[in-house]
Amino acid sequence: MTYAWCRWREAAESALYGDEGFYRRPEGPAGHFRTSVHASPLFATAVARLLAATAGELGTDSVDLVDVGAGRGELVTGVLAALRDGSLAPGLTVRAYAVEIAPRPPGLDPAVEWCAELPRGTRGLLFANEWLDNVPTEIAEADADGVARYVLVRSDGTERLGDPVTGADARWLSHWWPLSGPGDRAEIGGPRDEAWAAAVASLDSGTAVAVDYAHVRAARPPFGTLTGFREGREVKPVPDGGCDLTSHVALDACAAAAGGTAELLDQRTALRELGVSGERPPLARASADPVGYVRALASAGEAAELTARGGLGDFGWLRQRVTDRDDGQGRRFTDREEG
């Protein structure tokens, strides 16, 4: 794909999701980078526990699971596998949805509904693992006079500054990521705010979770975080369809856009709450139960990777509650709509 100068959002949209885009490729994201889902089945088991807890909060034994940015169905498959023997959530019935623009992968459990768009009216858990970082944004950079300008790009990755940032983009920058001086860059997160608010709004009740590389207003990186990934390596971000294009997410802005009750925490904390710990098994078990010890040791190693400082454990988790109530006339509404 080739094009003349354009803003980064348009370029990335075409490079990732166009007819020849990166996310249309048959190997899928797993062919180029490793997420927590691919690192260990413990991650899917933790999500299964969260799904079961959500069902308990809703007081139901029939619950929806919506996997947003589902890749090739790895997470939803892992969650269903973790629940299959009934030990985590006896009697729980799950209606599973995988939301992804790519075609349905062969061999996926027929019980999983493959969707190009978010299903509406679901009750349960909506889980978006490394989805928002691939929602394209505009890139802004402060010029020599400190004026925030849109960054323009060509398909070979060459950049130059364009017009000053105006309107809603300027307001977003001013509130969420003010540029300090010449050369400072930012990813303008309005499209991600809108995408997350729409995802949360698709739930009638339950919990929505976004997991991603993240930062908050008090600690924005001065030069932005836009980068590329191809075949397991970080590469120059070039919008030609040959690599992933990603940047960290302003999860605090996403939380504010969706409204309701939100909680921000790191993956290390979130997974430990869901029973994933990197603690090694006691050495005494090695002689009493050598096979069990080896399995427990391997599990501890996987858990340590998922919760490691400086690695996957530093990912941000945004947990957003959606509760439904009745207005006294039989109409149910959510805490997003009240008032």
Protein backbone atom coordinates (compact mmCIF):
# COMPACT_ATOMS: atom_id res chain seq x y z
CA MET A 1 0.00 0.00 0.00
CA THR A 2 1.25 3.45 -0.86
CA TYR A 3 -0.10 6.91 -0.18
CA ALA A 4 1.08 10.50 -0.01
CA TRP A 5 1.28 12.55 3.15
CA CYS A 6 -1.57 11.98 5.59
CA ARG A 7 -2.15 12.02 9.32
CA TRP A 8 -1.10 9.02 11.39
CA ARG A 9 -4.62 7.93 12.28
CA GLU A 10 -5.64 7.51 8.63
CA ALA A 11 -2.34 5.83 7.77
CA ALA A 12 -2.53 3.37 10.66
CA GLU A 13 -6.19 2.57 9.98
CA SER A 14 -5.30 1.54 6.43
CA ALA A 15 -2.09 -0.27 7.40
CA LEU A 16 -3.74 -2.32 10.16
CA TYR A 17 -7.31 -2.86 8.98
CA GLY A 18 -7.45 -2.15 5.25
CA ASP A 19 -7.92 -4.91 2.68
CA GLU A 20 -4.18 -5.66 2.76
CA GLY A 21 -3.74 -4.65 6.40
CA PHE A 22 -1.64 -6.30 9.05
CA TYR A 23 -4.63 -7.67 10.97
CA ARG A 24 -6.01 -9.32 7.85
CA ARG A 25 -2.94 -11.55 7.53
CA PRO A 26 -3.56 -15.29 7.98
CA GLU A 27 -0.97 -15.83 10.74
CA GLY A 28 -2.78 -13.41 13.05
CA PRO A 29 -1.20 -11.36 15.85
CA ALA A 30 0.35 -14.45 17.46
CA GLY A 31 2.63 -14.74 14.44
CA HIS A 32 4.32 -11.49 15.41
CA PHE A 33 4.07 -10.87 19.14
CA ARG A 34 3.33 -12.69 22.37
CA THR A 35 0.60 -11.46 24.69
CA SER A 36 -0.30 -12.70 28.16
CA VAL A 37 -2.79 -15.06 26.51
CA HIS A 38 0.04 -16.77 24.61
CA ALA A 39 2.45 -16.70 27.56
CA SER A 40 0.48 -19.08 29.77
CA PRO A 41 -2.94 -20.75 30.13
CA LEU A 42 -2.93 -19.31 33.64
CA PHE A 43 -4.07 -16.02 32.14
CA ALA A 44 -7.20 -17.54 30.60
CA THR A 45 -7.87 -19.39 33.85
CA ALA A 46 -7.70 -16.08 35.72
CA VAL A 47 -10.19 -14.56 33.26
CA ALA A 48 -12.42 -17.62 33.79
CA ARG A 49 -12.36 -16.93 37.54
CA LEU A 50 -13.27 -13.31 36.88
CA LEU A 51 -16.14 -14.43 34.66
CA ALA A 52 -17.41 -16.75 37.38
CA ALA A 53 -17.13 -13.96 39.98
CA THR A 54 -19.05 -11.63 37.67
CA ALA A 55 -21.81 -14.21 37.30
CA GLY A 56 -21.94 -14.46 41.09
CA GLU A 57 -22.28 -10.69 41.42
CA LEU A 58 -25.09 -10.74 38.88
CA GLY A 59 -26.79 -13.60 40.70
CA THR A 60 -26.98 -15.79 37.62
CA ASP A 61 -25.72 -19.13 36.37
CA SER A 62 -25.96 -18.01 32.73
CA VAL A 63 -23.46 -15.36 31.69
CA ASP A 64 -21.96 -13.73 28.60
CA LEU A 65 -18.26 -13.54 27.76
CA VAL A 66 -17.28 -10.97 25.12
CA ASP A 67 -13.66 -11.19 23.94
CA VAL A 68 -12.89 -7.91 22.13
CA GLY A 69 -9.97 -7.93 19.71
CA ALA A 70 -10.07 -11.71 19.83
CA GLY A 71 -7.15 -12.42 17.49
CA ARG A 72 -7.72 -15.99 16.44
CA GLY A 73 -9.84 -16.88 19.46
CA GLU A 74 -7.02 -17.88 21.79
CA LEU A 75 -8.43 -16.23 24.93
CA VAL A 76 -12.05 -17.27 24.56
CA THR A 77 -10.89 -20.81 23.79
CA GLY A 78 -8.71 -20.86 26.92
CA VAL A 79 -11.49 -19.52 29.14
CA LEU A 80 -13.97 -22.13 27.93
CA ALA A 81 -11.35 -24.85 28.44
CA ALA A 82 -10.71 -23.69 32.00
CA LEU A 83 -14.43 -23.89 32.77
CA ARG A 84 -15.08 -27.17 31.02
CA ASP A 85 -14.60 -29.57 33.93
CA GLY A 86 -16.89 -27.53 36.16
CA SER A 87 -14.49 -27.17 39.08
CA LEU A 88 -14.09 -23.39 38.77
CA ALA A 89 -17.79 -22.62 38.38
CA PRO A 90 -20.12 -25.61 38.74
CA GLY A 91 -23.29 -25.23 36.70
CA LEU A 92 -22.20 -22.05 34.93
CA THR A 93 -23.47 -21.64 31.35
CA VAL A 94 -21.44 -19.30 29.12
CA ARG A 95 -22.50 -17.61 25.92
CA ALA A 96 -19.22 -16.69 24.24
CA TYR A 97 -18.61 -13.96 21.67
CA ALA A 98 -15.36 -13.18 19.86
CA VAL A 99 -15.18 -9.71 18.32
CA GLU A 100 -12.62 -9.45 15.51
CA ILE A 101 -12.42 -8.07 11.96
CA ALA A 102 -10.52 -11.10 10.62
CA PRO A 103 -12.43 -14.14 9.34
CA ARG A 104 -13.44 -16.87 11.78
CA PRO A 105 -10.46 -19.20 12.29
CA PRO A 106 -10.88 -22.86 11.34
CA GLY A 107 -11.43 -25.25 14.21
CA LEU A 108 -12.84 -22.70 16.63
CA ASP A 109 -15.41 -24.11 19.06
CA PRO A 110 -18.78 -23.77 17.27
CA ALA A 111 -20.28 -22.49 20.53
CA VAL A 112 -18.30 -19.26 20.07
CA GLU A 113 -20.16 -16.61 18.09
CA TRP A 114 -17.70 -14.78 15.82
CA CYS A 115 -18.66 -11.11 15.43
CA ALA A 116 -17.36 -8.20 13.40
CA GLU A 117 -19.04 -5.79 15.81
CA LEU A 118 -19.80 -5.69 19.52
CA PRO A 119 -22.91 -7.67 20.49
CA ARG A 120 -25.50 -5.53 22.29
CA GLY A 121 -27.34 -6.21 25.52
CA THR A 122 -24.89 -8.70 27.01
CA ARG A 123 -24.74 -9.47 30.74
CA GLY A 124 -21.43 -10.67 32.08
CA LEU A 125 -17.78 -9.98 31.32
CA LEU A 126 -16.41 -7.96 28.43
CA PHE A 127 -12.64 -8.44 28.18
CA ALA A 128 -10.36 -6.49 25.84
CA ASN A 129 -6.76 -7.70 25.99
CA GLU A 130 -4.34 -5.51 24.04
CA TRP A 131 -7.14 -4.08 21.90
CA LEU A 132 -7.11 -0.37 22.64
CA ASP A 133 -3.42 0.03 21.79
CA ASN A 134 -4.33 -0.89 18.20
CA VAL A 135 -7.10 1.70 17.92
CA PRO A 136 -5.35 4.26 15.68
CA THR A 137 -4.86 7.80 16.96
CA GLU A 138 -3.53 11.06 15.66
CA ILE A 139 0.04 11.90 16.63
CA ALA A 140 0.83 15.44 17.77
CA GLU A 141 4.22 17.10 18.14
CA ALA A 142 5.12 20.54 19.47
CA ASP A 143 6.98 22.63 16.89
CA ALA A 144 9.88 25.03 17.60
CA ASP A 145 7.42 27.58 18.97
CA GLY A 146 5.68 25.03 21.19
CA VAL A 147 2.58 24.81 18.96
CA ALA A 148 1.05 21.33 18.87
CA ARG A 149 0.83 20.15 15.25
CA TYR A 150 -0.43 16.98 13.65
CA VAL A 151 2.34 14.64 12.51
CA LEU A 152 2.00 13.60 8.87
CA VAL A 153 3.46 10.36 7.55
CA ARG A 154 4.02 8.51 4.26
CA SER A 155 3.84 4.78 3.70
CA ASP A 156 7.64 4.50 4.06
CA GLY A 157 7.46 5.97 7.58
CA THR A 158 8.87 9.40 6.69
CA GLU A 159 7.28 12.12 8.85
CA ARG A 160 6.78 15.87 8.81
CA LEU A 161 4.67 18.34 10.79
CA GLY A 162 1.30 19.46 9.47
CA ASP A 163 -1.40 21.86 10.62
CA PRO A 164 -1.90 22.93 14.23
CA VAL A 165 -4.06 20.64 16.35
CA THR A 166 -7.55 22.09 16.78
CA GLY A 167 -11.04 21.28 18.04
CA ALA A 168 -11.72 18.16 20.11
CA ASP A 169 -8.16 16.92 19.59
CA ALA A 170 -6.75 20.15 21.04
CA ARG A 171 -9.12 19.94 24.01
CA TRP A 172 -8.10 16.32 24.64
CA LEU A 173 -4.40 17.26 24.56
CA SER A 174 -4.92 20.21 26.87
CA HIS A 175 -6.72 18.10 29.48
CA TRP A 176 -5.07 14.70 29.22
CA TRP A 177 -1.60 15.15 27.70
CA PRO A 178 -0.36 18.76 27.52
CA LEU A 179 2.90 19.08 25.58
CA SER A 180 5.67 20.78 27.56
CA GLY A 181 7.95 22.10 24.86
CA PRO A 182 9.39 21.74 21.33
CA GLY A 183 9.78 18.14 20.20
CA ASP A 184 7.35 16.69 22.73
CA ARG A 185 4.94 14.18 21.19
CA ALA A 186 1.64 12.63 22.20
CA GLU A 187 -0.88 10.14 20.92
CA ILE A 188 -4.28 11.87 20.97
CA GLY A 189 -6.49 9.31 22.66
CA GLY A 190 -9.98 10.49 21.71
CA PRO A 191 -10.68 7.54 19.38
CA ARG A 192 -9.72 5.11 22.13
CA ASP A 193 -11.94 6.89 24.62
CA GLU A 194 -14.83 6.57 22.17
CA ALA A 195 -14.05 2.92 21.42
CA TRP A 196 -13.92 2.01 25.10
CA ALA A 197 -17.07 3.96 25.96
CA ALA A 198 -18.89 2.09 23.16
CA ALA A 199 -17.60 -1.25 24.44
CA VAL A 200 -18.77 -0.52 27.99
CA ALA A 201 -22.12 0.74 26.66
CA SER A 202 -22.67 -2.59 24.88
CA LEU A 203 -23.01 -4.30 28.29
CA ASP A 204 -26.38 -4.27 29.99
CA SER A 205 -24.69 -5.26 33.24
CA GLY A 206 -21.48 -6.82 34.46
CA THR A 207 -17.82 -5.89 34.23
CA ALA A 208 -15.74 -4.51 31.38
CA VAL A 209 -11.96 -4.94 31.51
CA ALA A 210 -9.30 -3.39 29.28
CA VAL A 211 -5.74 -4.70 29.60
CA ASP A 212 -2.95 -2.85 27.84
CA TYR A 213 0.34 -1.03 27.86
CA ALA A 214 -0.76 2.09 29.68
CA HIS A 215 0.12 5.37 31.34
CA VAL A 216 -1.74 8.02 33.34
CA ARG A 217 -1.74 11.80 33.19
CA ALA A 218 0.83 12.24 35.95
CA ALA A 219 3.38 10.13 34.08
CA ARG A 220 2.94 10.56 30.33
CA PRO A 221 6.07 9.75 28.27
CA PRO A 222 7.37 13.04 26.81
CA PHE A 223 8.01 11.69 23.31
CA GLY A 224 5.07 9.33 22.92
CA THR A 225 5.20 5.56 22.55
CA LEU A 226 4.37 4.77 18.92
CA THR A 227 6.28 1.71 17.71
CA GLY A 228 6.04 -1.31 15.44
CA PHE A 229 6.32 -5.07 15.91
CA ARG A 230 7.08 -7.74 13.35
CA GLU A 231 8.01 -11.41 13.86
CA GLY A 232 8.65 -10.93 17.57
CA ARG A 233 10.88 -7.87 17.22
CA GLU A 234 10.29 -4.20 17.82
CA VAL A 235 10.74 -2.29 14.55
CA LYS A 236 10.34 1.22 13.20
CA PRO A 237 6.63 2.10 12.92
CA VAL A 238 6.02 2.10 9.18
CA PRO A 239 2.38 2.18 8.01
CA ASP A 240 2.78 -0.17 5.05
CA GLY A 241 0.82 -3.17 6.37
CA GLY A 242 3.97 -5.13 7.17
CA CYS A 243 4.07 -4.60 10.92
CA ASP A 244 1.87 -4.02 13.92
CA LEU A 245 1.47 -0.37 14.91
CA THR A 246 0.91 0.19 18.60
CA SER A 247 1.17 2.82 21.31
CA HIS A 248 0.45 2.85 25.03
CA VAL A 249 -3.07 3.73 26.16
CA ALA A 250 -4.20 6.62 28.37
CA LEU A 251 -6.44 4.33 30.41
CA ASP A 252 -7.41 7.12 32.80
CA ALA A 253 -8.94 9.04 29.89
CA CYS A 254 -10.76 5.91 28.71
CA ALA A 255 -12.18 5.39 32.19
CA ALA A 256 -13.47 8.94 32.34
CA ALA A 257 -15.07 8.65 28.90
CA ALA A 258 -17.02 5.52 29.84
CA GLY A 259 -18.25 6.86 33.19
CA GLY A 260 -19.53 4.71 36.03
CA THR A 261 -17.38 2.98 38.61
CA ALA A 262 -13.83 2.40 37.38
CA GLU A 263 -10.66 1.00 38.90
CA LEU A 264 -7.11 1.21 37.54
CA LEU A 265 -4.50 -1.28 38.71
CA ASP A 266 -1.53 -3.16 37.33
CA GLN A 267 -1.63 -6.73 36.02
CA ARG A 268 0.52 -7.97 38.87
CA THR A 269 -2.14 -6.92 41.38
CA ALA A 270 -5.10 -7.97 39.24
CA LEU A 271 -3.79 -11.49 38.59
CA ARG A 272 -2.81 -12.08 42.20
CA GLU A 273 -6.38 -11.23 43.17
CA LEU A 274 -7.45 -13.93 40.70
CA GLY A 275 -5.16 -16.59 42.14
CA VAL A 276 -2.09 -16.26 39.91
CA SER A 277 1.06 -16.18 42.02
CA GLY A 278 4.69 -16.65 41.09
CA GLU A 279 5.59 -18.23 44.42
CA ARG A 280 7.67 -21.39 44.09
CA PRO A 281 6.29 -24.59 45.64
CA PRO A 282 7.96 -25.72 48.90
CA LEU A 283 11.11 -27.74 48.28
CA ALA A 284 9.84 -30.51 50.57
CA ARG A 285 7.24 -31.35 47.95
CA ALA A 286 10.00 -32.40 45.53
CA SER A 287 10.61 -35.63 47.44
CA ALA A 288 7.02 -36.29 48.50
CA ASP A 289 5.47 -35.60 45.09
CA PRO A 290 8.18 -35.11 42.44
CA VAL A 291 5.77 -34.99 39.46
CA GLY A 292 3.48 -32.55 41.23
CA TYR A 293 6.48 -30.46 42.26
CA VAL A 294 7.73 -30.15 38.67
CA ARG A 295 4.26 -29.13 37.48
CA ALA A 296 3.90 -26.59 40.28
CA LEU A 297 7.36 -25.22 39.53
CA ALA A 298 6.49 -24.78 35.85
CA SER A 299 3.23 -23.08 36.79
CA ALA A 300 5.08 -20.74 39.16
CA GLY A 301 7.45 -19.81 36.36
CA GLU A 302 4.58 -18.96 34.04
CA ALA A 303 2.87 -16.97 36.79
CA ALA A 304 6.11 -15.09 37.46
CA GLU A 305 6.27 -14.05 33.79
CA LEU A 306 2.66 -12.85 33.82
CA THR A 307 3.27 -10.74 36.94
CA ALA A 308 6.88 -9.66 36.39
CA ARG A 309 7.94 -6.09 37.12
CA GLY A 310 9.28 -4.44 34.00
CA GLY A 311 7.28 -6.90 31.88
CA LEU A 312 3.74 -8.20 31.63
CA GLY A 313 3.05 -7.45 35.27
CA ASP A 314 3.27 -3.73 34.54
CA PHE A 315 0.37 -3.79 32.09
CA GLY A 316 -2.57 -1.64 33.12
CA TRP A 317 -5.98 -3.11 33.92
CA LEU A 318 -9.04 -0.89 33.72
CA ARG A 319 -12.03 -2.52 35.42
CA GLN A 320 -15.36 -0.82 34.83
CA ARG A 321 -18.57 -1.90 36.54
CA VAL A 322 -21.90 -1.67 34.75
CA THR A 323 -24.98 -2.07 36.95
CA ASP A 324 -28.61 -2.09 35.85
CA ARG A 325 -31.56 -0.72 37.75
CA ASP A 326 -35.26 -0.17 37.22
CA ASP A 327 -36.85 3.27 36.93
CA GLY A 328 -40.09 2.14 38.59
CA GLN A 329 -41.88 1.82 35.27
CA GLY A 330 -40.33 -1.46 34.25
CA ARG A 331 -37.58 0.16 32.16
CA ARG A 332 -34.09 -1.03 32.97
CA PHE A 333 -31.18 1.36 32.56
CA THR A 334 -27.50 1.37 33.40
CA ASP A 335 -25.40 3.60 35.62
CA ARG A 336 -24.10 5.26 32.43
CA GLU A 337 -27.61 6.47 31.57
CA GLU A 338 -28.92 7.56 34.96
CA GLY A 339 -30.01 11.18 35.05
